[in-house]
Every structure is written in C-alpha cells, then in structure tokens.
Amino acid sequence: MIKIYTSPSCSSCKKVKKWFKDQNIPYVEKNIFATTLSDSEIKEILSKSENGTDDFISTRSKIIKENDVDIDSMNVNEFVDFVRNNPSVLKRPIIVDDKRIQTGYNEEEITVFIPRNKRVEFLKCHGDCSKFLDNK
C-alpha cells in the first residue's frame, strides 16, 4: 500500500494526490500535523531513503535553523523523537511504498509507483517505455 505524508497547505501534496487519483492508484494519506507519526513510520522512511535524512528532512526549516539542530549527531531514537515532536522539519509530500520513498512531486519519477500490471496501459498513453523495462 502506498502512503503519502502530507500537509494541508502543500501544493506539491495536492499534485501528488491528484496524480494518484488520475492514475486510479489507491493510497493512504497521512496528514503529518493532524496525526502523530509513529516510531515505525519514521524508521520506515529513514530505512528506505537512499541518502539518509537528506532525502526527507528540510535543513532550512525554522526549527533546525533557530535551534542550531545537528541531525547528524543524533542517534536513531533521538532522531525519531525529534521528528515526531517536530513534523514541520519533514519535506513534503513523502511517498512511501513497500520498496521505495520519494519526496516532493516529480512528474517523471512518480511513475515508479505505477503498479506493474498498469504500466503497459500507462505507457500506451504516455510514450517512452524504456524506463520501465528494468524496473521490477
């Protein structure tokens, strides 16, 4: 199941949700300000990121800048607590499935979330299939 971590005023979040609806791909939305993220959700995001916290933490966030927070010096439990208590440090949207994570809305990269059985149909309408041939 695909999970999309969003915030209400985020324009990229709206684009991502529209894209999934247009593709008829089910997802679960989690508003990061309305629902506290669990330890396991934060660890899942961290474990699937290719570049560690750089993929989903905004170092330009007010909380990090004003408090001179050093994410890299935190152990996993400290990091999880920090994110849980300060969800505004998360880049948005964060899209997570069983294998991968993507942050933000990227029109080309988001296609990796199209289920294998729907890719052929999608490609008939959208062209180049080479990027899907090696994707399992």
Protein backbone atom coordinates (compact mmCIF):
# COMPACT_ATOMS: atom_id res chain seq x y z
CA MET A 1 0.00 0.00 0.00
CA ILE A 2 1.22 3.47 -0.85
CA LYS A 3 1.31 6.05 1.92
CA ILE A 4 1.54 9.76 1.26
CA TYR A 5 2.62 12.02 4.11
CA THR A 6 1.15 15.48 3.52
CA SER A 7 0.28 18.83 4.99
CA PRO A 8 -2.89 20.76 4.15
CA SER A 9 -1.33 23.84 2.54
CA CYS A 10 1.26 22.00 0.46
CA SER A 11 0.75 22.49 -3.30
CA SER A 12 3.05 19.57 -4.19
CA CYS A 13 0.96 17.35 -1.90
CA LYS A 14 -2.15 18.31 -3.85
CA LYS A 15 -0.42 17.49 -7.15
CA VAL A 16 0.70 14.08 -5.88
CA LYS A 17 -2.77 13.17 -4.61
CA LYS A 18 -4.33 14.29 -7.91
CA TRP A 19 -1.79 12.22 -9.87
CA PHE A 20 -2.58 9.07 -7.87
CA LYS A 21 -6.32 9.67 -8.27
CA ASP A 22 -5.92 10.26 -12.02
CA GLN A 23 -3.96 7.00 -12.32
CA ASN A 24 -6.56 5.21 -10.20
CA ILE A 25 -3.87 4.04 -7.77
CA PRO A 26 -5.06 3.65 -4.18
CA TYR A 27 -3.13 5.32 -1.38
CA VAL A 28 -3.44 6.23 2.27
CA GLU A 29 -2.93 9.87 3.17
CA LYS A 30 -1.38 10.84 6.49
CA ASN A 31 -1.52 14.49 7.44
CA ILE A 32 1.69 14.99 9.45
CA PHE A 33 0.12 17.76 11.52
CA ALA A 34 -3.18 16.04 12.29
CA THR A 35 -1.73 12.65 13.22
CA THR A 36 1.48 12.00 15.15
CA LEU A 37 3.82 9.78 13.17
CA SER A 38 4.69 6.53 14.88
CA ASP A 39 8.23 5.41 15.56
CA SER A 40 7.84 2.66 12.96
CA GLU A 41 6.66 5.12 10.29
CA ILE A 42 9.63 7.41 10.86
CA LYS A 43 12.04 4.45 10.85
CA GLU A 44 10.45 3.11 7.66
CA ILE A 45 11.00 6.44 5.91
CA LEU A 46 14.59 6.55 7.16
CA SER A 47 15.33 2.95 6.16
CA LYS A 48 14.07 3.46 2.60
CA SER A 49 15.89 6.72 1.93
CA GLU A 50 18.94 6.42 -0.29
CA ASN A 51 20.70 9.48 1.16
CA GLY A 52 19.66 9.20 4.79
CA THR A 53 17.97 12.21 6.33
CA ASP A 54 18.93 14.46 3.38
CA ASP A 55 16.11 12.86 1.36
CA PHE A 56 13.31 13.93 3.67
CA ILE A 57 14.49 16.46 6.29
CA SER A 58 14.46 20.14 5.44
CA THR A 59 17.59 21.60 6.97
CA ARG A 60 16.20 25.04 6.06
CA SER A 61 13.28 24.58 8.45
CA LYS A 62 12.83 27.24 11.11
CA ILE A 63 13.19 24.77 14.00
CA ILE A 64 16.53 23.45 12.77
CA LYS A 65 17.95 26.87 11.96
CA GLU A 66 16.80 28.70 15.08
CA ASN A 67 17.85 25.93 17.45
CA ASP A 68 21.04 25.01 15.60
CA VAL A 69 19.93 21.36 15.49
CA ASP A 70 22.54 18.86 14.33
CA ILE A 71 20.59 15.93 12.89
CA ASP A 72 23.79 14.01 12.14
CA SER A 73 24.80 13.90 15.81
CA MET A 74 21.54 12.22 16.88
CA ASN A 75 21.18 8.50 17.44
CA VAL A 76 18.15 6.80 15.88
CA ASN A 77 15.93 7.14 18.95
CA GLU A 78 16.78 10.83 19.38
CA PHE A 79 16.10 11.40 15.69
CA VAL A 80 12.73 9.61 15.83
CA ASP A 81 11.70 11.65 18.89
CA PHE A 82 12.80 14.87 17.21
CA VAL A 83 10.79 14.19 14.04
CA ARG A 84 7.74 13.01 15.97
CA ASN A 85 7.77 16.23 18.02
CA ASN A 86 8.67 18.49 15.08
CA PRO A 87 6.90 17.21 11.95
CA SER A 88 7.41 20.55 10.19
CA VAL A 89 11.04 19.53 9.53
CA LEU A 90 9.80 16.93 7.03
CA LYS A 91 9.90 17.74 3.34
CA ARG A 92 6.51 17.21 1.74
CA PRO A 93 4.98 15.19 0.33
CA ILE A 94 6.72 11.95 1.21
CA ILE A 95 5.50 8.97 -0.83
CA VAL A 96 6.30 5.51 0.54
CA ASP A 97 5.51 2.05 -0.78
CA ASP A 98 6.89 -1.41 0.02
CA LYS A 99 10.26 -0.72 -1.61
CA ARG A 100 10.89 2.96 -2.06
CA ILE A 101 10.44 6.53 -0.99
CA GLN A 102 10.08 9.74 -2.95
CA THR A 103 9.94 13.27 -1.64
CA GLY A 104 8.18 16.05 -3.47
CA TYR A 105 6.35 15.92 -6.77
CA ASN A 106 8.42 14.96 -9.79
CA GLU A 107 6.31 14.21 -12.86
CA GLU A 108 8.79 11.67 -14.27
CA GLU A 109 9.95 9.96 -11.09
CA ILE A 110 6.47 9.44 -9.65
CA THR A 111 5.74 6.88 -12.38
CA VAL A 112 7.74 4.27 -10.42
CA PHE A 113 4.66 3.95 -8.22
CA ILE A 114 2.50 2.67 -11.07
CA PRO A 115 1.80 -1.00 -10.36
CA ARG A 116 3.41 -3.37 -12.85
CA ASN A 117 0.06 -4.53 -14.22
CA LYS A 118 -0.95 -0.92 -15.03
CA ARG A 119 2.33 0.16 -16.65
CA VAL A 120 1.53 -1.15 -20.13
CA GLU A 121 -1.73 0.78 -20.17
CA PHE A 122 0.02 3.90 -18.85
CA LEU A 123 2.78 3.68 -21.45
CA LYS A 124 0.33 3.43 -24.33
CA CYS A 125 -0.88 6.86 -23.34
CA HIS A 126 2.43 8.42 -22.30
CA GLY A 127 5.21 7.15 -24.60
CA ASP A 128 8.70 6.00 -23.65
CA CYS A 129 8.69 2.58 -22.03
CA SER A 130 12.46 2.15 -21.65
CA LYS A 131 12.50 3.42 -18.07
CA PHE A 132 10.04 0.69 -17.06
CA LEU A 133 11.74 -2.28 -18.66
CA ASP A 134 14.38 -2.72 -15.96
CA ASN A 135 12.19 -1.64 -13.04
CA LYS A 136 10.92 -4.62 -11.05
